[in-house]
Amino acid sequence: MLFKILIISLLTWMVYNLFRALMIMNKQDPNGPPMSKFIGRRVLTSVVIVLLLLLGILTGVITPNPRPM
């Protein structure tokens, strides 16, 4: 259960950074933080999520669906 909460919180953090980058893109403030900072956080978070899912599958913490139907 803790593993699923961690994945959900990381997904929420990824969506938050996506919308922060959107707000910065719409403002176009030259003195503000760069949009690439938030996009980079989003990419790093997605890499961490994929690695955690692979680690969870390999250790048996989560089990994938054996068939799609």
PDB file of N, CA and C in Angstrom:
ATOM      1  N   MET A   1       0.820  -1.194   0.000  1.00  0.00           N
ATOM      2  CA  MET A   1       0.000   0.000   0.000  1.00  0.00           C
ATOM      3  C   MET A   1       0.860   1.252   0.000  1.00  0.00           C
ATOM      4  N   LEU A   2       1.955   1.220   0.755  1.00  0.00           N
ATOM      5  CA  LEU A   2       2.858   2.358   0.814  1.00  0.00           C
ATOM      6  C   LEU A   2       3.483   2.621  -0.556  1.00  0.00           C
ATOM      7  N   PHE A   3       3.753   1.554  -1.295  1.00  0.00           N
ATOM      8  CA  PHE A   3       4.332   1.679  -2.630  1.00  0.00           C
ATOM      9  C   PHE A   3       3.368   2.421  -3.564  1.00  0.00           C
ATOM     10  N   LYS A   4       2.094   2.088  -3.485  1.00  0.00           N
ATOM     11  CA  LYS A   4       1.097   2.738  -4.338  1.00  0.00           C
ATOM     12  C   LYS A   4       0.928   4.206  -3.971  1.00  0.00           C
ATOM     13  N   ILE A   5       0.985   4.519  -2.691  1.00  0.00           N
ATOM     14  CA  ILE A   5       0.880   5.911  -2.252  1.00  0.00           C
ATOM     15  C   ILE A   5       2.072   6.711  -2.769  1.00  0.00           C
ATOM     16  N   LEU A   6       3.244   6.100  -2.768  1.00  0.00           N
ATOM     17  CA  LEU A   6       4.436   6.761  -3.280  1.00  0.00           C
ATOM     18  C   LEU A   6       4.308   7.039  -4.777  1.00  0.00           C
ATOM     19  N   ILE A   7       3.813   6.087  -5.536  1.00  0.00           N
ATOM     20  CA  ILE A   7       3.641   6.266  -6.978  1.00  0.00           C
ATOM     21  C   ILE A   7       2.608   7.359  -7.259  1.00  0.00           C
ATOM     22  N   ILE A   8       1.493   7.351  -6.534  1.00  0.00           N
ATOM     23  CA  ILE A   8       0.461   8.368  -6.732  1.00  0.00           C
ATOM     24  C   ILE A   8       0.979   9.754  -6.382  1.00  0.00           C
ATOM     25  N   SER A   9       1.747   9.866  -5.306  1.00  0.00           N
ATOM     26  CA  SER A   9       2.286  11.176  -4.935  1.00  0.00           C
ATOM     27  C   SER A   9       3.303  11.672  -5.965  1.00  0.00           C
ATOM     28  N   LEU A  10       4.099  10.766  -6.529  1.00  0.00           N
ATOM     29  CA  LEU A  10       5.033  11.169  -7.579  1.00  0.00           C
ATOM     30  C   LEU A  10       4.299  11.596  -8.855  1.00  0.00           C
ATOM     31  N   LEU A  11       3.209  10.924  -9.185  1.00  0.00           N
ATOM     32  CA  LEU A  11       2.407  11.338 -10.333  1.00  0.00           C
ATOM     33  C   LEU A  11       1.788  12.715 -10.107  1.00  0.00           C
ATOM     34  N   THR A  12       1.336  12.965  -8.889  1.00  0.00           N
ATOM     35  CA  THR A  12       0.779  14.272  -8.559  1.00  0.00           C
ATOM     36  C   THR A  12       1.854  15.354  -8.672  1.00  0.00           C
ATOM     37  N   TRP A  13       3.059  15.066  -8.178  1.00  0.00           N
ATOM     38  CA  TRP A  13       4.177  16.008  -8.273  1.00  0.00           C
ATOM     39  C   TRP A  13       4.525  16.294  -9.743  1.00  0.00           C
ATOM     40  N   MET A  14       4.442  15.274 -10.591  1.00  0.00           N
ATOM     41  CA  MET A  14       4.738  15.441 -12.005  1.00  0.00           C
ATOM     42  C   MET A  14       3.713  16.358 -12.669  1.00  0.00           C
ATOM     43  N   VAL A  15       2.440  16.169 -12.366  1.00  0.00           N
ATOM     44  CA  VAL A  15       1.392  17.014 -12.944  1.00  0.00           C
ATOM     45  C   VAL A  15       1.514  18.450 -12.418  1.00  0.00           C
ATOM     46  N   TYR A  16       1.856  18.604 -11.143  1.00  0.00           N
ATOM     47  CA  TYR A  16       2.059  19.943 -10.579  1.00  0.00           C
ATOM     48  C   TYR A  16       3.169  20.684 -11.330  1.00  0.00           C
ATOM     49  N   ASN A  17       4.288  20.019 -11.592  1.00  0.00           N
ATOM     50  CA  ASN A  17       5.387  20.658 -12.311  1.00  0.00           C
ATOM     51  C   ASN A  17       5.011  20.976 -13.748  1.00  0.00           C
ATOM     52  N   LEU A  18       4.177  20.152 -14.346  1.00  0.00           N
ATOM     53  CA  LEU A  18       3.705  20.421 -15.700  1.00  0.00           C
ATOM     54  C   LEU A  18       2.895  21.713 -15.737  1.00  0.00           C
ATOM     55  N   PHE A  19       2.001  21.898 -14.768  1.00  0.00           N
ATOM     56  CA  PHE A  19       1.185  23.103 -14.750  1.00  0.00           C
ATOM     57  C   PHE A  19       1.980  24.337 -14.332  1.00  0.00           C
ATOM     58  N   ARG A  20       3.006  24.162 -13.492  1.00  0.00           N
ATOM     59  CA  ARG A  20       3.882  25.292 -13.161  1.00  0.00           C
ATOM     60  C   ARG A  20       4.613  25.775 -14.414  1.00  0.00           C
ATOM     61  N   ALA A  21       5.083  24.844 -15.238  1.00  0.00           N
ATOM     62  CA  ALA A  21       5.750  25.216 -16.485  1.00  0.00           C
ATOM     63  C   ALA A  21       4.765  25.913 -17.430  1.00  0.00           C
ATOM     64  N   LEU A  22       3.525  25.474 -17.432  1.00  0.00           N
ATOM     65  CA  LEU A  22       2.513  26.111 -18.264  1.00  0.00           C
ATOM     66  C   LEU A  22       2.270  27.552 -17.825  1.00  0.00           C
ATOM     67  N   MET A  23       2.192  27.784 -16.515  1.00  0.00           N
ATOM     68  CA  MET A  23       1.980  29.139 -16.016  1.00  0.00           C
ATOM     69  C   MET A  23       3.163  30.055 -16.354  1.00  0.00           C
ATOM     70  N   ILE A  24       4.367  29.533 -16.253  1.00  0.00           N
ATOM     71  CA  ILE A  24       5.545  30.327 -16.588  1.00  0.00           C
ATOM     72  C   ILE A  24       5.579  30.621 -18.090  1.00  0.00           C
ATOM     73  N   MET A  25       5.157  29.655 -18.903  1.00  0.00           N
ATOM     74  CA  MET A  25       5.128  29.870 -20.340  1.00  0.00           C
ATOM     75  C   MET A  25       4.126  30.963 -20.698  1.00  0.00           C
ATOM     76  N   ASN A  26       2.996  30.996 -20.007  1.00  0.00           N
ATOM     77  CA  ASN A  26       1.982  31.999 -20.301  1.00  0.00           C
ATOM     78  C   ASN A  26       2.366  33.394 -19.814  1.00  0.00           C
ATOM     79  N   LYS A  27       3.117  33.488 -18.709  1.00  0.00           N
ATOM     80  CA  LYS A  27       3.535  34.793 -18.185  1.00  0.00           C
ATOM     81  C   LYS A  27       4.577  35.463 -19.065  1.00  0.00           C
ATOM     82  N   GLN A  28       5.545  34.711 -19.528  1.00  0.00           N
ATOM     83  CA  GLN A  28       6.662  35.207 -20.327  1.00  0.00           C
ATOM     84  C   GLN A  28       7.414  36.310 -19.601  1.00  0.00           C
ATOM     85  N   ASP A  29       7.709  36.093 -18.333  1.00  0.00           N
ATOM     86  CA  ASP A  29       8.457  37.048 -17.517  1.00  0.00           C
ATOM     87  C   ASP A  29       9.946  36.746 -17.658  1.00  0.00           C
ATOM     88  N   PRO A  30      10.746  37.682 -18.169  1.00  0.00           N
ATOM     89  CA  PRO A  30      12.173  37.396 -18.351  1.00  0.00           C
ATOM     90  C   PRO A  30      12.936  37.266 -17.033  1.00  0.00           C
ATOM     91  N   ASN A  31      12.419  37.812 -15.942  1.00  0.00           N
ATOM     92  CA  ASN A  31      13.100  37.735 -14.652  1.00  0.00           C
ATOM     93  C   ASN A  31      12.662  36.532 -13.824  1.00  0.00           C
ATOM     94  N   GLY A  32      11.676  35.809 -14.269  1.00  0.00           N
ATOM     95  CA  GLY A  32      11.162  34.663 -13.529  1.00  0.00           C
ATOM     96  C   GLY A  32      12.023  33.429 -13.714  1.00  0.00           C
ATOM     97  N   PRO A  33      11.669  32.348 -13.025  1.00  0.00           N
ATOM     98  CA  PRO A  33      12.438  31.100 -13.182  1.00  0.00           C
ATOM     99  C   PRO A  33      12.226  30.518 -14.577  1.00  0.00           C
ATOM    100  N   PRO A  34      13.211  29.816 -15.101  1.00  0.00           N
ATOM    101  CA  PRO A  34      13.071  29.246 -16.449  1.00  0.00           C
ATOM    102  C   PRO A  34      12.076  28.082 -16.463  1.00  0.00           C
ATOM    103  N   MET A  35      11.388  27.965 -17.583  1.00  0.00           N
ATOM    104  CA  MET A  35      10.413  26.890 -17.736  1.00  0.00           C
ATOM    105  C   MET A  35      11.100  25.529 -17.760  1.00  0.00           C
ATOM    106  N   SER A  36      12.330  25.482 -18.240  1.00  0.00           N
ATOM    107  CA  SER A  36      13.037  24.208 -18.344  1.00  0.00           C
ATOM    108  C   SER A  36      13.304  23.578 -16.977  1.00  0.00           C
ATOM    109  N   LYS A  37      13.338  24.393 -15.944  1.00  0.00           N
ATOM    110  CA  LYS A  37      13.528  23.863 -14.584  1.00  0.00           C
ATOM    111  C   LYS A  37      12.378  22.925 -14.211  1.00  0.00           C
ATOM    112  N   PHE A  38      11.161  23.346 -14.494  1.00  0.00           N
ATOM    113  CA  PHE A  38       9.993  22.539 -14.139  1.00  0.00           C
ATOM    114  C   PHE A  38       9.800  21.373 -15.100  1.00  0.00           C
ATOM    115  N   ILE A  39      10.142  21.570 -16.372  1.00  0.00           N
ATOM    116  CA  ILE A  39      10.060  20.468 -17.330  1.00  0.00           C
ATOM    117  C   ILE A  39      11.098  19.397 -16.979  1.00  0.00           C
ATOM    118  N   GLY A  40      12.278  19.832 -16.556  1.00  0.00           N
ATOM    119  CA  GLY A  40      13.309  18.878 -16.137  1.00  0.00           C
ATOM    120  C   GLY A  40      12.890  18.086 -14.915  1.00  0.00           C
ATOM    121  N   ARG A  41      12.232  18.756 -13.955  1.00  0.00           N
ATOM    122  CA  ARG A  41      11.715  18.040 -12.784  1.00  0.00           C
ATOM    123  C   ARG A  41      10.682  17.016 -13.194  1.00  0.00           C
ATOM    124  N   ARG A  42       9.860  17.367 -14.177  1.00  0.00           N
ATOM    125  CA  ARG A  42       8.820  16.449 -14.640  1.00  0.00           C
ATOM    126  C   ARG A  42       9.440  15.219 -15.293  1.00  0.00           C
ATOM    127  N   VAL A  43      10.455  15.429 -16.107  1.00  0.00           N
ATOM    128  CA  VAL A  43      11.116  14.312 -16.777  1.00  0.00           C
ATOM    129  C   VAL A  43      11.826  13.424 -15.748  1.00  0.00           C
ATOM    130  N   LEU A  44      12.507  14.035 -14.800  1.00  0.00           N
ATOM    131  CA  LEU A  44      13.196  13.266 -13.763  1.00  0.00           C
ATOM    132  C   LEU A  44      12.196  12.462 -12.930  1.00  0.00           C
ATOM    133  N   THR A  45      11.050  13.060 -12.626  1.00  0.00           N
ATOM    134  CA  THR A  45      10.026  12.349 -11.859  1.00  0.00           C
ATOM    135  C   THR A  45       9.478  11.155 -12.642  1.00  0.00           C
ATOM    136  N   SER A  46       9.286  11.322 -13.938  1.00  0.00           N
ATOM    137  CA  SER A  46       8.774  10.203 -14.733  1.00  0.00           C
ATOM    138  C   SER A  46       9.804   9.076 -14.821  1.00  0.00           C
ATOM    139  N   VAL A  47      11.083   9.411 -14.862  1.00  0.00           N
ATOM    140  CA  VAL A  47      12.120   8.382 -14.862  1.00  0.00           C
ATOM    141  C   VAL A  47      12.116   7.631 -13.532  1.00  0.00           C
ATOM    142  N   VAL A  48      11.974   8.358 -12.437  1.00  0.00           N
ATOM    143  CA  VAL A  48      11.924   7.723 -11.113  1.00  0.00           C
ATOM    144  C   VAL A  48      10.707   6.804 -11.007  1.00  0.00           C
ATOM    145  N   ILE A  49       9.576   7.230 -11.543  1.00  0.00           N
ATOM    146  CA  ILE A  49       8.367   6.412 -11.496  1.00  0.00           C
ATOM    147  C   ILE A  49       8.565   5.107 -12.273  1.00  0.00           C
ATOM    148  N   VAL A  50       9.128   5.197 -13.466  1.00  0.00           N
ATOM    149  CA  VAL A  50       9.356   3.998 -14.272  1.00  0.00           C
ATOM    150  C   VAL A  50      10.318   3.050 -13.565  1.00  0.00           C
ATOM    151  N   LEU A  51      11.398   3.601 -12.983  1.00  0.00           N
ATOM    152  CA  LEU A  51      12.351   2.751 -12.266  1.00  0.00           C
ATOM    153  C   LEU A  51      11.712   2.105 -11.039  1.00  0.00           C
ATOM    154  N   LEU A  52      10.883   2.845 -10.311  1.00  0.00           N
ATOM    155  CA  LEU A  52      10.198   2.272  -9.153  1.00  0.00           C
ATOM    156  C   LEU A  52       9.229   1.168  -9.569  1.00  0.00           C
ATOM    157  N   LEU A  53       8.524   1.368 -10.680  1.00  0.00           N
ATOM    158  CA  LEU A  53       7.610   0.331 -11.161  1.00  0.00           C
ATOM    159  C   LEU A  53       8.373  -0.928 -11.573  1.00  0.00           C
ATOM    160  N   LEU A  54       9.485  -0.742 -12.267  1.00  0.00           N
ATOM    161  CA  LEU A  54      10.296  -1.905 -12.646  1.00  0.00           C
ATOM    162  C   LEU A  54      10.855  -2.608 -11.419  1.00  0.00           C
ATOM    163  N   LEU A  55      11.334  -1.855 -10.457  1.00  0.00           N
ATOM    164  CA  LEU A  55      11.854  -2.437  -9.231  1.00  0.00           C
ATOM    165  C   LEU A  55      10.755  -3.165  -8.460  1.00  0.00           C
ATOM    166  N   GLY A  56       9.558  -2.580  -8.424  1.00  0.00           N
ATOM    167  CA  GLY A  56       8.444  -3.219  -7.746  1.00  0.00           C
ATOM    168  C   GLY A  56       8.022  -4.512  -8.409  1.00  0.00           C
ATOM    169  N   ILE A  57       8.056  -4.548  -9.733  1.00  0.00           N
ATOM    170  CA  ILE A  57       7.702  -5.769 -10.457  1.00  0.00           C
ATOM    171  C   ILE A  57       8.767  -6.838 -10.242  1.00  0.00           C
ATOM    172  N   LEU A  58      10.036  -6.446 -10.302  1.00  0.00           N
ATOM    173  CA  LEU A  58      11.113  -7.420 -10.141  1.00  0.00           C
ATOM    174  C   LEU A  58      11.176  -8.002  -8.729  1.00  0.00           C
ATOM    175  N   THR A  59      10.867  -7.200  -7.716  1.00  0.00           N
ATOM    176  CA  THR A  59      10.917  -7.700  -6.343  1.00  0.00           C
ATOM    177  C   THR A  59       9.623  -8.382  -5.921  1.00  0.00           C
ATOM    178  N   GLY A  60       8.563  -8.233  -6.683  1.00  0.00           N
ATOM    179  CA  GLY A  60       7.307  -8.883  -6.358  1.00  0.00           C
ATOM    180  C   GLY A  60       6.384  -8.052  -5.476  1.00  0.00           C
ATOM    181  N   VAL A  61       6.715  -6.789  -5.255  1.00  0.00           N
ATOM    182  CA  VAL A  61       5.850  -5.923  -4.453  1.00  0.00           C
ATOM    183  C   VAL A  61       4.538  -5.671  -5.182  1.00  0.00           C
ATOM    184  N   ILE A  62       4.616  -5.486  -6.493  1.00  0.00           N
ATOM    185  CA  ILE A  62       3.415  -5.353  -7.316  1.00  0.00           C
ATOM    186  C   ILE A  62       3.455  -6.441  -8.382  1.00  0.00           C
ATOM    187  N   THR A  63       2.293  -6.875  -8.790  1.00  0.00           N
ATOM    188  CA  THR A  63       2.204  -7.893  -9.834  1.00  0.00           C
ATOM    189  C   THR A  63       1.441  -7.336 -11.014  1.00  0.00           C
ATOM    190  N   PRO A  64       1.987  -7.466 -12.216  1.00  0.00           N
ATOM    191  CA  PRO A  64       1.273  -6.962 -13.391  1.00  0.00           C
ATOM    192  C   PRO A  64       0.119  -7.882 -13.759  1.00  0.00           C
ATOM    193  N   ASN A  65      -0.804  -7.352 -14.505  1.00  0.00           N
ATOM    194  CA  ASN A  65      -1.931  -8.147 -14.981  1.00  0.00           C
ATOM    195  C   ASN A  65      -1.412  -9.159 -15.998  1.00  0.00           C
ATOM    196  N   PRO A  66      -1.696 -10.459 -15.811  1.00  0.00           N
ATOM    197  CA  PRO A  66      -1.126 -11.458 -16.723  1.00  0.00           C
ATOM    198  C   PRO A  66      -1.680 -11.390 -18.134  1.00  0.00           C
ATOM    199  N   ARG A  67      -2.940 -10.992 -18.304  1.00  0.00           N
ATOM    200  CA  ARG A  67      -3.501 -10.856 -19.634  1.00  0.00           C
ATOM    201  C   ARG A  67      -4.284  -9.558 -19.713  1.00  0.00           C
ATOM    202  N   PRO A  68      -4.326  -8.954 -20.870  1.00  0.00           N
ATOM    203  CA  PRO A  68      -4.981  -7.648 -20.993  1.00  0.00           C
ATOM    204  C   PRO A  68      -6.507  -7.708 -20.948  1.00  0.00           C
ATOM    205  N   MET A  69      -7.122  -8.878 -21.144  1.00  0.00           N
ATOM    206  CA  MET A  69      -8.577  -8.925 -21.185  1.00  0.00           C
ATOM    207  C   MET A  69      -9.128  -9.635 -19.962  1.00  0.00           C
TER     208      MET A  69
END
